[in-house]
Amino acid sequence: MTDMSNSKASLGRAIHAIAGKWGWFVALGVGELILGGIASANLMAASLASVLVIGATMAVAGIFQIVHAFSVHGLRGFLFWLFAGIIYGAAGAVILYDPLLASFTLSLAMCAFLIVAGVTRIWVGFHMQPAAGWRWIVAAGVVTFCVGVMLVAAWPTIGLWLLGAMLVVDLIFQGWGFIAFGLALRNRASRHSAEPATV
């Protein structure tokens, strides 16, 4: 009975610690929404410049996610937040390194990166329950995974427009997912602080 009580108390402290970091999740979500908007503005420009914008957008999104991971260091899922950010950023770096490979090797590499990042986010989301809003993280991971699978299905005939469109969908859904998760954590933290202390 004592072990169960200690386990519940430990879980409660972990959830409260995550709730205290809600602002970082909202900031990450806003950043990804902005990046999604930037990427969407370049969808119709099927040129080398648009490929570079896609690569830069993914690289910056990866950096955002890595910074976010270190901001919640010590909390459950830190390594997987970090891994997802590295994977996403690596995909952008590959594009920037050799944008002329976008039609074949680059597209396939992006598919693999997105699938791995999606699976990682799904894993993190499930392991963050029962923290408030964990389903939003799982949903964002599912979207990332599905985007990767859809690109695999379209390979090797993936055009720049489709590549950019899938990136926009992923960034925007991720952004809303992180914002919703962060706000759910804030609400939980507010309710917790409003509860009377027990002796």
Protein backbone atom coordinates (compact mmCIF):
# COMPACT_ATOMS: atom_id res chain seq x y z
CA MET A 1 0.00 0.00 0.00
CA THR A 2 2.89 2.30 0.86
CA ASP A 3 4.59 1.57 -2.47
CA MET A 4 1.39 2.42 -4.34
CA SER A 5 1.03 5.69 -2.43
CA ASN A 6 4.65 6.60 -3.14
CA SER A 7 4.17 5.76 -6.82
CA LYS A 8 1.09 7.98 -7.06
CA ALA A 9 2.86 10.81 -5.25
CA SER A 10 5.86 10.51 -7.58
CA LEU A 11 3.60 10.54 -10.64
CA GLY A 12 1.77 13.57 -9.30
CA ARG A 13 5.03 15.47 -8.82
CA ALA A 14 6.15 14.57 -12.35
CA ILE A 15 2.87 15.77 -13.87
CA HIS A 16 3.03 19.00 -11.85
CA ALA A 17 6.60 19.57 -13.06
CA ILE A 18 5.51 19.13 -16.67
CA ALA A 19 2.57 21.49 -16.12
CA GLY A 20 5.01 24.14 -14.94
CA LYS A 21 6.66 24.06 -18.38
CA TRP A 22 3.47 24.76 -20.32
CA GLY A 23 4.83 28.01 -21.74
CA TRP A 24 7.59 26.21 -23.63
CA PHE A 25 5.06 23.96 -25.37
CA VAL A 26 2.93 26.95 -26.39
CA ALA A 27 6.02 28.82 -27.65
CA LEU A 28 7.07 25.80 -29.71
CA GLY A 29 3.57 25.55 -31.17
CA VAL A 30 3.47 29.23 -32.11
CA GLY A 31 6.91 28.96 -33.70
CA GLU A 32 5.86 25.99 -35.80
CA LEU A 33 2.67 27.74 -36.90
CA ILE A 34 4.75 30.71 -38.07
CA LEU A 35 7.11 28.39 -39.94
CA GLY A 36 4.13 26.63 -41.51
CA GLY A 37 2.84 29.99 -42.71
CA ILE A 38 6.23 30.87 -44.20
CA ALA A 39 6.39 27.51 -45.98
CA SER A 40 2.84 27.86 -47.32
CA ALA A 41 3.70 31.24 -48.83
CA ASN A 42 6.33 29.53 -50.99
CA LEU A 43 4.25 26.56 -52.15
CA MET A 44 3.60 27.91 -55.64
CA ALA A 45 7.24 28.73 -56.33
CA ALA A 46 8.45 25.38 -57.69
CA SER A 47 12.07 26.44 -57.90
CA LEU A 48 15.41 25.90 -56.24
CA ALA A 49 14.65 28.83 -53.95
CA SER A 50 11.46 27.13 -52.72
CA VAL A 51 13.41 23.95 -51.96
CA LEU A 52 15.85 26.00 -49.90
CA VAL A 53 12.93 27.60 -48.04
CA ILE A 54 11.55 24.13 -47.26
CA GLY A 55 14.95 22.99 -46.01
CA ALA A 56 15.50 26.11 -43.92
CA THR A 57 12.01 25.81 -42.45
CA MET A 58 12.57 22.21 -41.39
CA ALA A 59 16.02 23.02 -40.00
CA VAL A 60 14.66 25.92 -37.92
CA ALA A 61 11.75 23.76 -36.72
CA GLY A 62 14.27 21.13 -35.65
CA ILE A 63 16.26 23.75 -33.73
CA PHE A 64 13.05 24.94 -32.03
CA GLN A 65 12.30 21.37 -30.97
CA ILE A 66 15.84 20.79 -29.67
CA VAL A 67 15.72 24.01 -27.63
CA HIS A 68 12.31 22.97 -26.32
CA ALA A 69 13.70 19.55 -25.34
CA PHE A 70 16.43 21.14 -23.23
CA SER A 71 13.88 23.51 -21.71
CA VAL A 72 12.02 20.50 -20.28
CA HIS A 73 15.20 18.60 -19.39
CA GLY A 74 14.68 16.21 -16.52
CA LEU A 75 11.05 15.54 -17.40
CA ARG A 76 9.63 12.36 -18.85
CA GLY A 77 10.43 11.89 -22.54
CA PHE A 78 13.31 14.40 -22.71
CA LEU A 79 15.54 12.15 -24.84
CA PHE A 80 12.73 11.46 -27.26
CA TRP A 81 11.81 15.16 -27.57
CA LEU A 82 15.48 15.74 -28.34
CA PHE A 83 15.64 12.85 -30.81
CA ALA A 84 12.54 14.06 -32.69
CA GLY A 85 14.07 17.54 -32.99
CA ILE A 86 17.37 16.15 -34.26
CA ILE A 87 15.59 14.01 -36.85
CA TYR A 88 13.48 16.94 -38.08
CA GLY A 89 16.46 19.27 -38.20
CA ALA A 90 18.56 16.65 -40.00
CA ALA A 91 15.93 16.41 -42.73
CA GLY A 92 16.17 20.16 -43.25
CA ALA A 93 19.97 20.01 -43.25
CA VAL A 94 19.92 17.33 -45.95
CA ILE A 95 17.76 19.58 -48.14
CA LEU A 96 20.03 22.59 -47.63
CA TYR A 97 23.14 20.49 -48.31
CA ASP A 98 22.01 19.29 -51.73
CA PRO A 99 18.64 20.72 -52.82
CA LEU A 100 19.03 19.41 -56.38
CA LEU A 101 18.36 15.86 -55.15
CA ALA A 102 14.81 16.80 -54.13
CA SER A 103 13.12 14.59 -56.72
CA PHE A 104 14.72 11.28 -55.67
CA THR A 105 17.20 10.70 -52.84
CA LEU A 106 16.17 13.80 -50.91
CA SER A 107 12.48 12.94 -51.02
CA LEU A 108 13.10 9.39 -49.81
CA ALA A 109 15.33 10.65 -46.99
CA MET A 110 12.62 13.09 -45.92
CA CYS A 111 10.06 10.27 -45.90
CA ALA A 112 12.26 8.23 -43.58
CA PHE A 113 12.95 11.22 -41.31
CA LEU A 114 9.25 12.08 -41.02
CA ILE A 115 8.20 8.49 -40.29
CA VAL A 116 10.82 8.13 -37.55
CA ALA A 117 9.93 11.53 -36.07
CA GLY A 118 6.23 10.62 -36.11
CA VAL A 119 6.78 7.30 -34.33
CA THR A 120 8.98 9.07 -31.77
CA ARG A 121 6.29 11.68 -31.01
CA ILE A 122 3.62 8.99 -30.67
CA TRP A 123 5.84 7.13 -28.19
CA VAL A 124 6.49 10.31 -26.20
CA GLY A 125 2.79 11.20 -26.16
CA PHE A 126 1.72 7.84 -24.78
CA HIS A 127 4.46 7.94 -22.14
CA MET A 128 3.38 11.41 -20.98
CA GLN A 129 -0.07 10.25 -19.92
CA PRO A 130 -1.88 10.96 -17.68
CA ALA A 131 -0.52 14.50 -18.14
CA ALA A 132 -3.22 16.83 -19.46
CA GLY A 133 -3.36 17.05 -23.24
CA TRP A 134 -1.10 14.08 -23.98
CA ARG A 135 -3.46 13.03 -26.78
CA TRP A 136 -2.51 16.17 -28.73
CA ILE A 137 1.11 15.01 -28.82
CA VAL A 138 0.02 11.57 -30.03
CA ALA A 139 -2.19 13.17 -32.69
CA ALA A 140 0.68 15.37 -33.90
CA GLY A 141 2.88 12.27 -34.12
CA VAL A 142 0.22 10.41 -36.10
CA VAL A 143 0.01 13.29 -38.59
CA THR A 144 3.81 13.40 -38.99
CA PHE A 145 3.89 9.62 -39.50
CA CYS A 146 1.04 9.75 -42.05
CA VAL A 147 2.74 12.56 -43.96
CA GLY A 148 5.87 10.41 -44.22
CA VAL A 149 3.86 7.39 -45.39
CA MET A 150 1.99 9.48 -47.99
CA LEU A 151 5.28 10.76 -49.37
CA VAL A 152 6.61 7.19 -49.57
CA ALA A 153 3.49 6.20 -51.52
CA ALA A 154 4.07 9.07 -53.97
CA TRP A 155 7.82 8.45 -54.38
CA PRO A 156 9.67 8.79 -56.75
CA THR A 157 7.27 11.16 -58.51
CA ILE A 158 7.08 13.62 -55.62
CA GLY A 159 6.94 17.18 -56.90
CA LEU A 160 8.18 20.22 -55.02
CA TRP A 161 4.60 21.40 -54.49
CA LEU A 162 3.55 18.12 -52.82
CA LEU A 163 6.70 18.06 -50.72
CA GLY A 164 6.05 21.60 -49.50
CA ALA A 165 2.33 20.98 -48.96
CA MET A 166 2.99 17.95 -46.76
CA LEU A 167 5.52 19.97 -44.75
CA VAL A 168 2.98 22.76 -44.25
CA VAL A 169 0.34 20.28 -43.05
CA ASP A 170 2.82 18.71 -40.63
CA LEU A 171 4.06 22.02 -39.20
CA ILE A 172 0.59 23.52 -38.79
CA PHE A 173 -0.87 20.43 -37.13
CA GLN A 174 2.18 20.11 -34.88
CA GLY A 175 1.89 23.77 -33.97
CA TRP A 176 -1.77 23.52 -32.96
CA GLY A 177 -1.07 20.26 -31.14
CA PHE A 178 1.70 21.77 -29.02
CA ILE A 179 -0.37 24.89 -28.30
CA ALA A 180 -3.35 22.78 -27.20
CA PHE A 181 -1.08 20.59 -25.07
CA GLY A 182 0.55 23.61 -23.43
CA LEU A 183 -2.78 25.28 -22.67
CA ALA A 184 -4.11 22.02 -21.20
CA LEU A 185 -1.05 21.91 -18.95
CA ARG A 186 -1.63 25.53 -17.93
CA ASN A 187 -5.24 24.78 -16.99
CA ARG A 188 -4.11 21.81 -14.94
CA ALA A 189 -1.48 23.91 -13.17
CA SER A 190 -4.09 26.61 -12.45
CA ARG A 191 -6.49 24.07 -10.95
CA HIS A 192 -3.70 22.55 -8.90
CA SER A 193 -2.65 25.93 -7.47
CA ALA A 194 -6.29 26.75 -6.67
CA GLU A 195 -6.78 23.56 -4.68
CA PRO A 196 -6.51 24.01 -0.90
CA ALA A 197 -3.38 22.55 0.60
CA THR A 198 -3.84 19.31 2.49
CA VAL A 199 -1.97 18.47 5.66
